[in-house]
């Protein structure tokens, strides 16, 4: 029983510290240094405790296997948690399949800030709609785009910094 509890603690500690590492790195990329530092403190504390349990029993191959499995699972769990947290903003570019003049107006009616530029595609001039949103709003925007033009070409990019434009007007 004590052996099984040890395996569970090693596994759980690795899942937790790797999940924290994933979130910490994403916070750093988004410029949230203080939050990343706090998470990093606890991440390393948990990591050292788990590593200590393994290093003190290097003759037990199951400790190594559980440690490695916890590492792998922690990467998966961390990315899942971050996806659900949906921190930050995204910029969505939409190129409607049809030369749809109404899509930008419909999106604006729903409260989205839309910038329209003209690009040159294989079939001639194309409208490109650029929309910057909170990442949490992405599933809803994608649903709306599908309703308006299911065949649109859509790209989503992580947005690092926002200044001015629709965001400031909306806040005032």
N, C-alpha and C. Protein backbone atom coordinates (compact mmCIF):
# COMPACT_ATOMS: atom_id res chain seq x y z
N UNK A 1 0.82 -1.20 0.00
CA UNK A 1 0.00 0.00 0.00
C UNK A 1 0.87 1.26 0.00
N UNK A 2 1.93 1.24 0.80
CA UNK A 2 2.81 2.41 0.88
C UNK A 2 3.54 2.61 -0.45
N UNK A 3 3.88 1.52 -1.12
CA UNK A 3 4.55 1.60 -2.41
C UNK A 3 3.63 2.24 -3.45
N UNK A 4 2.35 1.82 -3.48
CA UNK A 4 1.38 2.38 -4.42
C UNK A 4 1.16 3.87 -4.15
N UNK A 5 1.12 4.25 -2.88
CA UNK A 5 0.96 5.66 -2.52
C UNK A 5 2.16 6.47 -3.01
N UNK A 6 3.35 5.91 -2.89
CA UNK A 6 4.56 6.58 -3.38
C UNK A 6 4.51 6.80 -4.88
N UNK A 7 4.08 5.76 -5.62
CA UNK A 7 3.94 5.89 -7.08
C UNK A 7 2.93 6.98 -7.42
N UNK A 8 1.81 6.96 -6.71
CA UNK A 8 0.78 7.97 -6.97
C UNK A 8 1.30 9.37 -6.70
N UNK A 9 2.02 9.56 -5.60
CA UNK A 9 2.55 10.89 -5.26
C UNK A 9 3.56 11.38 -6.31
N UNK A 10 4.42 10.49 -6.77
CA UNK A 10 5.38 10.87 -7.81
C UNK A 10 4.63 11.28 -9.08
N UNK A 11 3.68 10.45 -9.48
CA UNK A 11 2.91 10.74 -10.70
C UNK A 11 2.16 12.07 -10.56
N UNK A 12 1.44 12.23 -9.46
CA UNK A 12 0.64 13.45 -9.25
C UNK A 12 1.52 14.70 -9.19
N UNK A 13 2.66 14.58 -8.53
CA UNK A 13 3.57 15.73 -8.44
C UNK A 13 4.07 16.13 -9.82
N UNK A 14 4.42 15.16 -10.65
CA UNK A 14 4.91 15.48 -12.01
C UNK A 14 3.80 16.07 -12.87
N UNK A 15 2.60 15.51 -12.78
CA UNK A 15 1.48 16.08 -13.54
C UNK A 15 1.27 17.53 -13.12
N UNK A 16 1.28 17.78 -11.83
CA UNK A 16 1.05 19.13 -11.32
C UNK A 16 2.18 20.08 -11.73
N UNK A 17 3.44 19.67 -11.54
CA UNK A 17 4.52 20.61 -11.85
C UNK A 17 4.65 20.84 -13.35
N UNK A 18 4.39 19.85 -14.18
CA UNK A 18 4.47 20.06 -15.63
C UNK A 18 3.29 20.89 -16.13
N UNK A 19 2.13 20.73 -15.52
CA UNK A 19 0.99 21.57 -15.88
C UNK A 19 1.30 23.02 -15.53
N UNK A 20 1.89 23.21 -14.36
CA UNK A 20 2.28 24.56 -13.95
C UNK A 20 3.34 25.13 -14.89
N UNK A 21 4.28 24.30 -15.32
CA UNK A 21 5.33 24.76 -16.24
C UNK A 21 4.73 25.24 -17.55
N UNK A 22 3.76 24.51 -18.07
CA UNK A 22 3.11 24.90 -19.32
C UNK A 22 2.43 26.25 -19.17
N UNK A 23 1.67 26.41 -18.11
CA UNK A 23 0.96 27.66 -17.88
C UNK A 23 1.94 28.80 -17.62
N UNK A 24 3.00 28.51 -16.86
CA UNK A 24 4.02 29.54 -16.56
C UNK A 24 4.65 30.06 -17.84
N UNK A 25 5.03 29.15 -18.73
CA UNK A 25 5.65 29.57 -19.99
C UNK A 25 4.71 30.43 -20.83
N UNK A 26 3.45 30.06 -20.87
CA UNK A 26 2.49 30.84 -21.64
C UNK A 26 2.26 32.21 -21.01
N UNK A 27 2.27 32.28 -19.69
CA UNK A 27 2.16 33.57 -19.02
C UNK A 27 3.37 34.45 -19.33
N UNK A 28 4.56 33.86 -19.34
CA UNK A 28 5.77 34.62 -19.68
C UNK A 28 5.69 35.18 -21.10
N UNK A 29 5.25 34.37 -22.03
CA UNK A 29 5.13 34.80 -23.42
C UNK A 29 4.14 35.96 -23.53
N UNK A 30 3.13 35.96 -22.68
CA UNK A 30 2.12 37.02 -22.71
C UNK A 30 2.49 38.21 -21.82
N UNK A 31 3.71 38.20 -21.28
CA UNK A 31 4.19 39.35 -20.52
C UNK A 31 3.73 39.42 -19.08
N UNK A 32 3.18 38.35 -18.54
CA UNK A 32 2.69 38.34 -17.15
C UNK A 32 3.78 37.74 -16.26
N UNK A 33 4.81 38.54 -16.03
CA UNK A 33 6.02 38.07 -15.33
C UNK A 33 5.75 37.71 -13.87
N UNK A 34 5.00 38.53 -13.15
CA UNK A 34 4.79 38.28 -11.73
C UNK A 34 4.03 36.97 -11.52
N UNK A 35 2.93 36.79 -12.26
CA UNK A 35 2.15 35.55 -12.13
C UNK A 35 3.01 34.34 -12.49
N UNK A 36 3.84 34.49 -13.52
CA UNK A 36 4.72 33.39 -13.93
C UNK A 36 5.74 33.07 -12.84
N UNK A 37 6.25 34.10 -12.17
CA UNK A 37 7.23 33.89 -11.11
C UNK A 37 6.61 33.15 -9.92
N UNK A 38 5.40 33.51 -9.56
CA UNK A 38 4.71 32.84 -8.44
C UNK A 38 4.48 31.37 -8.78
N UNK A 39 3.98 31.11 -9.97
CA UNK A 39 3.76 29.72 -10.40
C UNK A 39 5.09 28.97 -10.43
N UNK A 40 6.14 29.63 -10.92
CA UNK A 40 7.46 29.01 -11.01
C UNK A 40 7.99 28.58 -9.65
N UNK A 41 7.74 29.38 -8.62
CA UNK A 41 8.18 29.03 -7.27
C UNK A 41 7.58 27.69 -6.85
N UNK A 42 6.27 27.56 -6.99
CA UNK A 42 5.60 26.33 -6.57
C UNK A 42 5.92 25.16 -7.50
N UNK A 43 6.08 25.46 -8.77
CA UNK A 43 6.45 24.43 -9.74
C UNK A 43 7.77 23.77 -9.35
N UNK A 44 8.78 24.56 -9.05
CA UNK A 44 10.10 24.02 -8.70
C UNK A 44 10.06 23.28 -7.36
N UNK A 45 9.30 23.79 -6.43
CA UNK A 45 9.16 23.14 -5.13
C UNK A 45 8.59 21.72 -5.32
N UNK A 46 7.54 21.61 -6.09
CA UNK A 46 6.92 20.31 -6.34
C UNK A 46 7.87 19.40 -7.12
N UNK A 47 8.55 19.97 -8.11
CA UNK A 47 9.50 19.21 -8.94
C UNK A 47 10.60 18.60 -8.07
N UNK A 48 11.16 19.39 -7.18
CA UNK A 48 12.26 18.90 -6.33
C UNK A 48 11.77 17.79 -5.40
N UNK A 49 10.58 17.94 -4.87
CA UNK A 49 10.03 16.90 -4.00
C UNK A 49 9.84 15.59 -4.78
N UNK A 50 9.30 15.69 -6.00
CA UNK A 50 9.10 14.47 -6.81
C UNK A 50 10.45 13.86 -7.19
N UNK A 51 11.38 14.70 -7.60
CA UNK A 51 12.70 14.21 -8.00
C UNK A 51 13.41 13.53 -6.83
N UNK A 52 13.26 14.09 -5.65
CA UNK A 52 13.86 13.52 -4.45
C UNK A 52 13.34 12.09 -4.21
N UNK A 53 12.04 11.90 -4.41
CA UNK A 53 11.47 10.57 -4.19
C UNK A 53 12.05 9.56 -5.18
N UNK A 54 12.34 10.00 -6.40
CA UNK A 54 12.87 9.09 -7.41
C UNK A 54 14.37 8.85 -7.19
N UNK A 55 15.13 9.91 -6.96
CA UNK A 55 16.58 9.79 -6.82
C UNK A 55 16.95 8.96 -5.59
N UNK A 56 16.17 9.05 -4.54
CA UNK A 56 16.46 8.27 -3.34
C UNK A 56 16.18 6.77 -3.52
N UNK A 57 15.53 6.41 -4.63
CA UNK A 57 15.22 5.00 -4.89
C UNK A 57 15.50 4.67 -6.36
N UNK A 58 16.69 4.96 -6.81
CA UNK A 58 17.02 4.74 -8.22
C UNK A 58 16.98 3.27 -8.62
N UNK A 59 17.04 2.37 -7.66
CA UNK A 59 16.98 0.95 -7.98
C UNK A 59 15.55 0.49 -8.30
N UNK A 60 14.56 1.35 -8.06
CA UNK A 60 13.17 1.01 -8.34
C UNK A 60 12.78 1.57 -9.71
N UNK A 61 12.75 0.71 -10.72
CA UNK A 61 12.45 1.13 -12.10
C UNK A 61 11.06 1.71 -12.22
N UNK A 62 10.13 1.27 -11.37
CA UNK A 62 8.75 1.78 -11.45
C UNK A 62 8.69 3.26 -11.05
N UNK A 63 9.54 3.68 -10.13
CA UNK A 63 9.61 5.11 -9.80
C UNK A 63 9.96 5.92 -11.04
N UNK A 64 10.94 5.46 -11.80
CA UNK A 64 11.35 6.15 -13.03
C UNK A 64 10.23 6.16 -14.06
N UNK A 65 9.55 5.04 -14.21
CA UNK A 65 8.46 4.96 -15.18
C UNK A 65 7.29 5.87 -14.79
N UNK A 66 6.94 5.86 -13.51
CA UNK A 66 5.84 6.72 -13.05
C UNK A 66 6.22 8.19 -13.17
N UNK A 67 7.47 8.51 -12.88
CA UNK A 67 7.97 9.88 -13.01
C UNK A 67 7.86 10.34 -14.47
N UNK A 68 8.28 9.49 -15.40
CA UNK A 68 8.22 9.82 -16.82
C UNK A 68 6.79 9.92 -17.32
N UNK A 69 5.95 9.01 -16.86
CA UNK A 69 4.53 9.05 -17.23
C UNK A 69 3.87 10.33 -16.71
N UNK A 70 4.22 10.73 -15.50
CA UNK A 70 3.70 11.98 -14.94
C UNK A 70 4.13 13.19 -15.75
N UNK A 71 5.38 13.16 -16.24
CA UNK A 71 5.89 14.24 -17.09
C UNK A 71 5.04 14.35 -18.36
N UNK A 72 4.82 13.22 -19.02
CA UNK A 72 4.03 13.21 -20.26
C UNK A 72 2.60 13.66 -20.00
N UNK A 73 1.99 13.12 -18.98
CA UNK A 73 0.60 13.48 -18.66
C UNK A 73 0.50 14.95 -18.26
N UNK A 74 1.51 15.46 -17.57
CA UNK A 74 1.51 16.87 -17.16
C UNK A 74 1.54 17.81 -18.34
N UNK A 75 2.27 17.46 -19.39
CA UNK A 75 2.27 18.27 -20.60
C UNK A 75 0.88 18.34 -21.21
N UNK A 76 0.23 17.19 -21.27
CA UNK A 76 -1.12 17.12 -21.84
C UNK A 76 -2.11 17.92 -20.98
N UNK A 77 -2.09 17.67 -19.69
CA UNK A 77 -3.02 18.35 -18.78
C UNK A 77 -2.78 19.86 -18.79
N UNK A 78 -1.53 20.28 -18.77
CA UNK A 78 -1.21 21.70 -18.77
C UNK A 78 -1.72 22.41 -20.01
N UNK A 79 -1.56 21.79 -21.17
CA UNK A 79 -2.05 22.42 -22.39
C UNK A 79 -3.57 22.45 -22.42
N UNK A 80 -4.22 21.42 -21.87
CA UNK A 80 -5.68 21.38 -21.79
C UNK A 80 -6.19 22.49 -20.87
N UNK A 81 -5.56 22.63 -19.70
CA UNK A 81 -5.97 23.66 -18.74
C UNK A 81 -5.80 25.06 -19.34
N UNK A 82 -4.66 25.28 -20.00
CA UNK A 82 -4.42 26.60 -20.61
C UNK A 82 -5.44 26.88 -21.70
N UNK A 83 -5.78 25.87 -22.47
CA UNK A 83 -6.78 26.05 -23.52
C UNK A 83 -8.12 26.46 -22.91
N UNK A 84 -8.49 25.86 -21.80
CA UNK A 84 -9.76 26.20 -21.14
C UNK A 84 -9.69 27.58 -20.49
N UNK A 85 -8.51 27.97 -19.99
CA UNK A 85 -8.36 29.30 -19.41
C UNK A 85 -8.42 30.37 -20.50
N UNK A 86 -7.93 30.05 -21.69
CA UNK A 86 -7.94 30.94 -22.86
C UNK A 86 -7.44 32.34 -22.51
N UNK A 87 -6.23 32.40 -22.01
CA UNK A 87 -5.64 33.69 -21.64
C UNK A 87 -5.27 34.48 -22.88
N UNK A 88 -5.39 35.79 -22.79
CA UNK A 88 -4.90 36.66 -23.84
C UNK A 88 -5.90 36.93 -24.95
N UNK A 89 -5.36 37.36 -26.08
CA UNK A 89 -6.15 37.76 -27.23
C UNK A 89 -5.72 36.99 -28.47
N UNK A 90 -6.56 37.00 -29.47
CA UNK A 90 -6.26 36.38 -30.75
C UNK A 90 -6.68 37.33 -31.86
N UNK A 91 -5.96 37.26 -32.96
CA UNK A 91 -6.35 38.00 -34.16
C UNK A 91 -6.79 36.97 -35.18
N UNK A 92 -7.99 37.16 -35.69
CA UNK A 92 -8.60 36.23 -36.64
C UNK A 92 -8.66 36.91 -38.00
N UNK A 93 -8.15 36.25 -39.01
CA UNK A 93 -8.27 36.74 -40.38
C UNK A 93 -9.25 35.84 -41.11
N UNK A 94 -10.22 36.46 -41.75
CA UNK A 94 -11.25 35.72 -42.46
C UNK A 94 -11.25 36.17 -43.92
N UNK A 95 -11.13 35.21 -44.82
CA UNK A 95 -11.28 35.51 -46.24
C UNK A 95 -12.52 34.75 -46.70
N UNK A 96 -13.63 35.48 -46.88
CA UNK A 96 -14.87 34.81 -47.29
C UNK A 96 -14.71 34.12 -48.64
N UNK A 97 -15.34 32.97 -48.79
CA UNK A 97 -15.28 32.22 -50.05
C UNK A 97 -15.99 33.02 -51.14
N UNK A 98 -17.16 33.46 -50.81
CA UNK A 98 -17.92 34.30 -51.74
C UNK A 98 -17.52 35.75 -51.51
N UNK A 99 -17.68 36.58 -52.50
CA UNK A 99 -17.36 38.00 -52.32
C UNK A 99 -18.50 38.64 -51.53
N UNK A 100 -18.56 38.28 -50.28
CA UNK A 100 -19.66 38.64 -49.38
C UNK A 100 -19.41 40.02 -48.78
N UNK A 101 -20.21 40.97 -49.17
CA UNK A 101 -20.08 42.33 -48.66
C UNK A 101 -20.72 42.47 -47.29
N UNK A 102 -21.57 41.51 -46.91
CA UNK A 102 -22.35 41.65 -45.68
C UNK A 102 -21.67 41.06 -44.44
N UNK A 103 -20.67 40.23 -44.61
CA UNK A 103 -20.08 39.56 -43.45
C UNK A 103 -19.51 40.55 -42.44
N UNK A 104 -18.78 41.55 -42.90
CA UNK A 104 -18.20 42.54 -41.98
C UNK A 104 -19.30 43.28 -41.24
N UNK A 105 -20.35 43.66 -41.95
CA UNK A 105 -21.47 44.38 -41.32
C UNK A 105 -22.17 43.51 -40.28
N UNK A 106 -22.36 42.24 -40.61
CA UNK A 106 -23.01 41.32 -39.65
C UNK A 106 -22.16 41.15 -38.39
N UNK A 107 -20.85 40.98 -38.58
CA UNK A 107 -19.95 40.83 -37.43
C UNK A 107 -19.95 42.11 -36.58
N UNK A 108 -19.96 43.26 -37.23
CA UNK A 108 -19.99 44.53 -36.48
C UNK A 108 -21.28 44.67 -35.70
N UNK A 109 -22.40 44.24 -36.27
CA UNK A 109 -23.69 44.28 -35.55
C UNK A 109 -23.62 43.46 -34.26
N UNK A 110 -22.82 42.40 -34.29
CA UNK A 110 -22.68 41.53 -33.11
C UNK A 110 -21.65 42.05 -32.12
N UNK A 111 -21.04 43.22 -32.42
CA UNK A 111 -20.11 43.84 -31.49
C UNK A 111 -18.64 43.59 -31.75
N UNK A 112 -18.32 42.90 -32.83
CA UNK A 112 -16.92 42.65 -33.15
C UNK A 112 -16.34 43.84 -33.89
N UNK A 113 -15.10 44.19 -33.57
CA UNK A 113 -14.38 45.20 -34.33
C UNK A 113 -13.78 44.54 -35.55
N UNK A 114 -14.14 45.00 -36.73
CA UNK A 114 -13.70 44.37 -37.96
C UNK A 114 -12.99 45.40 -38.84
N UNK A 115 -11.79 45.06 -39.25
CA UNK A 115 -11.06 45.86 -40.24
C UNK A 115 -11.07 45.09 -41.54
N UNK A 116 -11.40 45.77 -42.64
CA UNK A 116 -11.47 45.11 -43.94
C UNK A 116 -10.35 45.67 -44.81
N UNK A 117 -9.55 44.76 -45.36
CA UNK A 117 -8.51 45.15 -46.31
C UNK A 117 -8.71 44.31 -47.58
N UNK A 118 -8.13 44.78 -48.66
CA UNK A 118 -8.23 44.04 -49.91
C UNK A 118 -6.91 43.36 -50.19
N UNK A 119 -6.99 42.10 -50.52
CA UNK A 119 -5.81 41.34 -50.88
C UNK A 119 -5.95 40.84 -52.30
N UNK A 120 -4.92 40.24 -52.80
CA UNK A 120 -4.94 39.72 -54.16
C UNK A 120 -4.77 38.21 -54.10
N UNK A 121 -5.78 37.48 -54.49
CA UNK A 121 -5.73 36.03 -54.48
C UNK A 121 -5.61 35.46 -55.87
N UNK A 122 -5.63 34.16 -55.97
CA UNK A 122 -5.51 33.48 -57.26
C UNK A 122 -6.65 33.89 -58.21
N UNK A 123 -7.81 34.15 -57.61
CA UNK A 123 -8.98 34.49 -58.42
C UNK A 123 -9.27 35.99 -58.43
N UNK A 124 -8.25 36.79 -58.11
CA UNK A 124 -8.43 38.23 -58.16
C UNK A 124 -8.54 38.84 -56.78
N UNK A 125 -9.06 40.07 -56.70
CA UNK A 125 -9.15 40.77 -55.41
C UNK A 125 -10.04 40.02 -54.42
N UNK A 126 -9.59 39.99 -53.18
CA UNK A 126 -10.35 39.32 -52.11
C UNK A 126 -10.42 40.25 -50.90
N UNK A 127 -11.52 40.22 -50.21
CA UNK A 127 -11.66 40.96 -48.96
C UNK A 127 -11.08 40.12 -47.82
N UNK A 128 -10.32 40.77 -46.96
CA UNK A 128 -9.76 40.10 -45.78
C UNK A 128 -10.31 40.83 -44.57
N UNK A 129 -11.01 40.10 -43.73
CA UNK A 129 -11.57 40.67 -42.50
C UNK A 129 -10.60 40.36 -41.36
N UNK A 130 -10.24 41.37 -40.60
CA UNK A 130 -9.32 41.19 -39.47
C UNK A 130 -10.09 41.54 -38.20
N UNK A 131 -10.12 40.60 -37.27
CA UNK A 131 -10.87 40.75 -36.03
C UNK A 131 -9.98 40.37 -34.86
N UNK A 132 -9.82 41.26 -33.89
CA UNK A 132 -9.05 40.94 -32.69
C UNK A 132 -10.03 40.76 -31.54
N UNK A 133 -9.90 39.64 -30.84
CA UNK A 133 -10.85 39.29 -29.77
C UNK A 133 -10.11 38.69 -28.59
N UNK A 134 -10.82 38.58 -27.46
CA UNK A 134 -10.30 37.80 -26.34
C UNK A 134 -10.37 36.34 -26.76
N UNK A 135 -9.35 35.57 -26.39
CA UNK A 135 -9.32 34.15 -26.79
C UNK A 135 -10.54 33.39 -26.31
N UNK A 136 -11.11 33.80 -25.18
CA UNK A 136 -12.30 33.12 -24.67
C UNK A 136 -13.48 33.25 -25.63
N UNK A 137 -13.46 34.31 -26.45
CA UNK A 137 -14.55 34.55 -27.40
C UNK A 137 -14.37 33.81 -28.73
N UNK A 138 -13.25 33.14 -28.92
CA UNK A 138 -12.95 32.51 -30.20
C UNK A 138 -13.99 31.45 -30.62
N UNK A 139 -14.41 30.54 -29.75
CA UNK A 139 -15.40 29.55 -30.20
C UNK A 139 -16.70 30.20 -30.70
N UNK A 140 -17.14 31.24 -30.03
CA UNK A 140 -18.37 31.92 -30.45
C UNK A 140 -18.17 32.61 -31.80
N UNK A 141 -17.04 33.29 -32.00
CA UNK A 141 -16.76 33.93 -33.28
C UNK A 141 -16.70 32.89 -34.40
N UNK A 142 -16.06 31.76 -34.15
CA UNK A 142 -15.97 30.72 -35.17
C UNK A 142 -17.36 30.18 -35.53
N UNK A 143 -18.22 30.07 -34.54
CA UNK A 143 -19.60 29.63 -34.80
C UNK A 143 -20.32 30.63 -35.71
N UNK A 144 -20.16 31.92 -35.42
CA UNK A 144 -20.80 32.96 -36.22
C UNK A 144 -20.25 32.95 -37.65
N UNK A 145 -18.93 32.83 -37.79
CA UNK A 145 -18.33 32.80 -39.13
C UNK A 145 -18.86 31.61 -39.92
N UNK A 146 -18.98 30.45 -39.27
CA UNK A 146 -19.52 29.27 -39.95
C UNK A 146 -20.95 29.50 -40.42
N UNK A 147 -21.75 30.19 -39.60
CA UNK A 147 -23.13 30.48 -39.98
C UNK A 147 -23.19 31.42 -41.18
N UNK A 148 -22.28 32.40 -41.21
CA UNK A 148 -22.29 33.39 -42.28
C UNK A 148 -21.70 32.85 -43.58
N UNK A 149 -20.63 32.10 -43.50
CA UNK A 149 -19.98 31.54 -44.70
C UNK A 149 -19.09 30.37 -44.28
N UNK A 150 -19.66 29.18 -44.32
CA UNK A 150 -18.96 27.97 -43.88
C UNK A 150 -17.67 27.72 -44.65
N UNK A 151 -17.57 28.23 -45.87
CA UNK A 151 -16.40 27.97 -46.71
C UNK A 151 -15.33 29.05 -46.61
N UNK A 152 -15.46 29.95 -45.65
CA UNK A 152 -14.44 31.00 -45.46
C UNK A 152 -13.11 30.37 -45.11
N UNK A 153 -12.03 31.04 -45.51
CA UNK A 153 -10.69 30.64 -45.09
C UNK A 153 -10.37 31.45 -43.85
N UNK A 154 -10.06 30.77 -42.73
CA UNK A 154 -9.86 31.44 -41.45
C UNK A 154 -8.50 31.06 -40.88
N UNK A 155 -7.76 32.08 -40.42
CA UNK A 155 -6.53 31.83 -39.67
C UNK A 155 -6.64 32.54 -38.34
N UNK A 156 -6.05 31.95 -37.31
CA UNK A 156 -6.08 32.51 -35.97
C UNK A 156 -4.64 32.63 -35.48
N UNK A 157 -4.30 33.82 -35.00
CA UNK A 157 -2.94 34.06 -34.51
C UNK A 157 -3.00 34.60 -33.08
N UNK A 158 -2.02 34.25 -32.28
CA UNK A 158 -1.90 34.77 -30.93
C UNK A 158 -1.51 36.25 -31.02
N UNK A 159 -2.17 37.09 -30.24
CA UNK A 159 -1.90 38.52 -30.24
C UNK A 159 -1.16 38.88 -28.95
N UNK A 160 0.00 39.48 -29.08
CA UNK A 160 0.84 39.80 -27.93
C UNK A 160 0.49 41.13 -27.28
N UNK A 161 0.07 42.10 -28.07
CA UNK A 161 -0.09 43.45 -27.54
C UNK A 161 -1.19 44.16 -28.32
N UNK A 162 -2.00 44.93 -27.60
CA UNK A 162 -3.07 45.71 -28.22
C UNK A 162 -2.97 47.14 -27.71
N UNK A 163 -3.09 48.09 -28.62
CA UNK A 163 -3.08 49.51 -28.24
C UNK A 163 -4.01 50.25 -29.19
N UNK A 164 -4.91 51.04 -28.63
CA UNK A 164 -5.77 51.90 -29.43
C UNK A 164 -6.89 51.16 -30.13
N UNK A 165 -7.50 51.86 -31.07
CA UNK A 165 -8.55 51.28 -31.89
C UNK A 165 -9.82 50.99 -31.12
N UNK A 166 -10.52 49.99 -31.58
CA UNK A 166 -11.83 49.61 -31.05
C UNK A 166 -11.77 49.30 -29.56
N UNK A 167 -10.66 48.75 -29.09
CA UNK A 167 -10.54 48.38 -27.68
C UNK A 167 -10.67 49.59 -26.78
N UNK A 168 -9.98 50.69 -27.11
CA UNK A 168 -10.05 51.88 -26.27
C UNK A 168 -11.43 52.50 -26.33
N UNK A 169 -12.06 52.55 -27.50
CA UNK A 169 -13.39 53.13 -27.63
C UNK A 169 -14.40 52.33 -26.83
N UNK A 170 -14.28 51.02 -26.88
CA UNK A 170 -15.21 50.16 -26.16
C UNK A 170 -15.06 50.33 -24.65
N UNK A 171 -13.83 50.53 -24.18
CA UNK A 171 -13.59 50.68 -22.75
C UNK A 171 -14.14 52.00 -22.22
N UNK A 172 -14.12 53.07 -23.03
CA UNK A 172 -14.63 54.38 -22.61
C UNK A 172 -16.12 54.34 -22.60
